[in-house]
Amino acid sequence: MVVRRRLRAILFPLALYCLSGAAGSYFLWHAVNDERGLHANANYELQIKSLQTQVDEKEKERRAWERRIALLSGRAIDRDMLDEEARARLGRVDKDDLIVFLKPNADAPPASATP
């Protein structure tokens, strides 16, 4: 009888401590590693920085296109820009343009070779 009481007096609080420790560690692990935990905040910060750099690059590209469009529209049209754009779209060259013909790759077989 006395042994059971002492054993129960030792094991019952020990079991409660183990159970509460397991529950606490479960909630602590999820507070750190879950989708809304502390590690998720660091991942979100990295994603925000990455997306911010992409936004900055796209903003620079947009400003460059706006500058080019402003040169082609409005009251004062930049003739060089208009000429360059027209030649690029039509596939034409000017009589003063220098044309450079490049040799085909030595690795690639000639296009007009017949066996």
C-alpha atoms as a PDB file:
ATOM      1  CA  MET A   1       0.000   0.000   0.000  1.00  0.00           C
ATOM      2  CA  VAL A   2       2.680   2.443   0.980  1.00  0.00           C
ATOM      3  CA  VAL A   3       4.726   1.533  -2.086  1.00  0.00           C
ATOM      4  CA  ARG A   4       1.772   2.203  -4.354  1.00  0.00           C
ATOM      5  CA  ARG A   5       1.153   5.605  -2.803  1.00  0.00           C
ATOM      6  CA  ARG A   6       4.788   6.612  -3.186  1.00  0.00           C
ATOM      7  CA  LEU A   7       4.933   5.236  -6.710  1.00  0.00           C
ATOM      8  CA  ARG A   8       1.719   7.064  -7.598  1.00  0.00           C
ATOM      9  CA  ALA A   9       3.019  10.239  -5.927  1.00  0.00           C
ATOM     10  CA  ILE A  10       6.118  10.105  -8.132  1.00  0.00           C
ATOM     11  CA  LEU A  11       4.697   8.819 -11.433  1.00  0.00           C
ATOM     12  CA  PHE A  12       1.550  10.933 -11.607  1.00  0.00           C
ATOM     13  CA  PRO A  13       3.336  14.332 -11.490  1.00  0.00           C
ATOM     14  CA  LEU A  14       6.058  12.939 -13.790  1.00  0.00           C
ATOM     15  CA  ALA A  15       3.405  11.916 -16.340  1.00  0.00           C
ATOM     16  CA  LEU A  16       1.762  15.355 -16.097  1.00  0.00           C
ATOM     17  CA  TYR A  17       5.121  17.085 -16.645  1.00  0.00           C
ATOM     18  CA  CYS A  18       5.843  14.879 -19.670  1.00  0.00           C
ATOM     19  CA  LEU A  19       2.393  15.483 -21.119  1.00  0.00           C
ATOM     20  CA  SER A  20       2.526  19.240 -20.603  1.00  0.00           C
ATOM     21  CA  GLY A  21       6.094  19.340 -22.000  1.00  0.00           C
ATOM     22  CA  ALA A  22       4.982  17.439 -25.098  1.00  0.00           C
ATOM     23  CA  ALA A  23       2.013  19.776 -25.621  1.00  0.00           C
ATOM     24  CA  GLY A  24       4.206  22.843 -25.085  1.00  0.00           C
ATOM     25  CA  SER A  25       6.872  21.602 -27.487  1.00  0.00           C
ATOM     26  CA  TYR A  26       4.186  20.846 -30.078  1.00  0.00           C
ATOM     27  CA  PHE A  27       2.835  24.396 -29.932  1.00  0.00           C
ATOM     28  CA  LEU A  28       6.338  25.883 -29.828  1.00  0.00           C
ATOM     29  CA  TRP A  29       7.425  23.934 -32.917  1.00  0.00           C
ATOM     30  CA  HIS A  30       4.354  25.129 -34.827  1.00  0.00           C
ATOM     31  CA  ALA A  31       4.901  28.712 -33.656  1.00  0.00           C
ATOM     32  CA  VAL A  32       8.371  28.654 -35.188  1.00  0.00           C
ATOM     33  CA  ASN A  33       8.008  26.428 -38.277  1.00  0.00           C
ATOM     34  CA  ASP A  34       4.381  26.698 -39.367  1.00  0.00           C
ATOM     35  CA  GLU A  35       3.182  28.705 -42.387  1.00  0.00           C
ATOM     36  CA  ARG A  36       2.620  31.720 -40.120  1.00  0.00           C
ATOM     37  CA  GLY A  37       5.574  31.075 -37.843  1.00  0.00           C
ATOM     38  CA  LEU A  38       8.813  32.932 -37.318  1.00  0.00           C
ATOM     39  CA  HIS A  39      10.639  31.272 -40.221  1.00  0.00           C
ATOM     40  CA  ALA A  40       7.786  32.172 -42.577  1.00  0.00           C
ATOM     41  CA  ASN A  41       8.358  35.840 -41.803  1.00  0.00           C
ATOM     42  CA  ALA A  42      11.977  35.577 -42.967  1.00  0.00           C
ATOM     43  CA  ASN A  43      10.839  33.794 -46.151  1.00  0.00           C
ATOM     44  CA  TYR A  44       8.279  36.521 -46.795  1.00  0.00           C
ATOM     45  CA  GLU A  45      10.968  39.170 -46.376  1.00  0.00           C
ATOM     46  CA  LEU A  46      13.133  37.428 -48.999  1.00  0.00           C
ATOM     47  CA  GLN A  47      10.199  37.190 -51.386  1.00  0.00           C
ATOM     48  CA  ILE A  48       9.400  40.869 -50.855  1.00  0.00           C
ATOM     49  CA  LYS A  49      12.992  41.870 -51.668  1.00  0.00           C
ATOM     50  CA  SER A  50      13.017  39.695 -54.779  1.00  0.00           C
ATOM     51  CA  LEU A  51       9.714  41.075 -56.018  1.00  0.00           C
ATOM     52  CA  GLN A  52      10.807  44.638 -55.231  1.00  0.00           C
ATOM     53  CA  THR A  53      13.897  44.239 -57.423  1.00  0.00           C
ATOM     54  CA  GLN A  54      11.692  42.893 -60.218  1.00  0.00           C
ATOM     55  CA  VAL A  55       9.372  45.879 -59.839  1.00  0.00           C
ATOM     56  CA  ASP A  56      12.340  48.265 -59.981  1.00  0.00           C
ATOM     57  CA  GLU A  57      13.654  46.596 -63.150  1.00  0.00           C
ATOM     58  CA  LYS A  58      10.247  46.783 -64.804  1.00  0.00           C
ATOM     59  CA  GLU A  59       9.940  50.425 -63.758  1.00  0.00           C
ATOM     60  CA  LYS A  60      13.273  51.229 -65.424  1.00  0.00           C
ATOM     61  CA  GLU A  61      12.168  49.393 -68.550  1.00  0.00           C
ATOM     62  CA  ARG A  62       8.864  51.285 -68.571  1.00  0.00           C
ATOM     63  CA  ARG A  63      10.659  54.633 -68.245  1.00  0.00           C
ATOM     64  CA  ALA A  64      12.978  53.707 -71.125  1.00  0.00           C
ATOM     65  CA  TRP A  65       9.997  52.806 -73.320  1.00  0.00           C
ATOM     66  CA  GLU A  66       8.227  56.025 -72.337  1.00  0.00           C
ATOM     67  CA  ARG A  67      11.301  58.001 -73.410  1.00  0.00           C
ATOM     68  CA  ARG A  68      11.401  56.183 -76.752  1.00  0.00           C
ATOM     69  CA  ILE A  69       7.678  56.704 -77.303  1.00  0.00           C
ATOM     70  CA  ALA A  70       8.002  60.387 -76.419  1.00  0.00           C
ATOM     71  CA  LEU A  71      10.653  60.720 -79.123  1.00  0.00           C
ATOM     72  CA  LEU A  72       8.308  59.184 -81.708  1.00  0.00           C
ATOM     73  CA  SER A  73       5.172  61.083 -80.755  1.00  0.00           C
ATOM     74  CA  GLY A  74       4.232  64.647 -80.042  1.00  0.00           C
ATOM     75  CA  ARG A  75       5.031  67.840 -81.866  1.00  0.00           C
ATOM     76  CA  ALA A  76       8.775  67.344 -82.221  1.00  0.00           C
ATOM     77  CA  ILE A  77       9.524  63.905 -83.628  1.00  0.00           C
ATOM     78  CA  ASP A  78      13.128  62.763 -83.477  1.00  0.00           C
ATOM     79  CA  ARG A  79      13.928  61.967 -87.115  1.00  0.00           C
ATOM     80  CA  ASP A  80      16.741  59.546 -86.317  1.00  0.00           C
ATOM     81  CA  MET A  81      14.510  57.540 -84.028  1.00  0.00           C
ATOM     82  CA  LEU A  82      11.690  57.510 -86.567  1.00  0.00           C
ATOM     83  CA  ASP A  83      14.071  56.458 -89.348  1.00  0.00           C
ATOM     84  CA  GLU A  84      15.555  53.678 -87.215  1.00  0.00           C
ATOM     85  CA  GLU A  85      12.136  52.344 -86.259  1.00  0.00           C
ATOM     86  CA  ALA A  86      10.818  52.453 -89.830  1.00  0.00           C
ATOM     87  CA  ARG A  87      13.855  50.600 -91.199  1.00  0.00           C
ATOM     88  CA  ALA A  88      13.669  47.974 -88.479  1.00  0.00           C
ATOM     89  CA  ARG A  89       9.985  47.304 -89.169  1.00  0.00           C
ATOM     90  CA  LEU A  90      10.221  47.344 -92.941  1.00  0.00           C
ATOM     91  CA  GLY A  91      13.495  45.437 -93.169  1.00  0.00           C
ATOM     92  CA  ARG A  92      15.074  48.116 -95.368  1.00  0.00           C
ATOM     93  CA  VAL A  93      18.497  49.739 -95.362  1.00  0.00           C
ATOM     94  CA  ASP A  94      19.700  53.184 -96.321  1.00  0.00           C
ATOM     95  CA  LYS A  95      22.196  53.755 -99.128  1.00  0.00           C
ATOM     96  CA  ASP A  96      24.751  55.015 -96.594  1.00  0.00           C
ATOM     97  CA  ASP A  97      24.407  52.039 -94.236  1.00  0.00           C
ATOM     98  CA  LEU A  98      27.282  49.606 -93.880  1.00  0.00           C
ATOM     99  CA  ILE A  99      26.235  45.968 -94.245  1.00  0.00           C
ATOM    100  CA  VAL A 100      28.442  43.232 -92.836  1.00  0.00           C
ATOM    101  CA  PHE A 101      27.988  39.677 -94.082  1.00  0.00           C
ATOM    102  CA  LEU A 102      29.078  37.057 -91.581  1.00  0.00           C
ATOM    103  CA  LYS A 103      30.370  33.615 -92.480  1.00  0.00           C
ATOM    104  CA  PRO A 104      28.179  30.713 -91.366  1.00  0.00           C
ATOM    105  CA  ASN A 105      29.393  28.556 -88.483  1.00  0.00           C
ATOM    106  CA  ALA A 106      32.065  26.037 -89.417  1.00  0.00           C
ATOM    107  CA  ASP A 107      30.315  23.451 -87.211  1.00  0.00           C
ATOM    108  CA  ALA A 108      26.992  23.760 -89.006  1.00  0.00           C
ATOM    109  CA  PRO A 109      26.585  22.105 -92.420  1.00  0.00           C
ATOM    110  CA  PRO A 110      25.996  24.505 -95.308  1.00  0.00           C
ATOM    111  CA  ALA A 111      22.357  25.171 -96.050  1.00  0.00           C
ATOM    112  CA  SER A 112      22.614  24.583 -99.807  1.00  0.00           C
ATOM    113  CA  ALA A 113      24.809  21.473 -99.701  1.00  0.00           C
ATOM    114  CA  THR A 114      23.418  18.499-101.605  1.00  0.00           C
ATOM    115  CA  PRO A 115      24.762  14.969-101.088  1.00  0.00           C
END
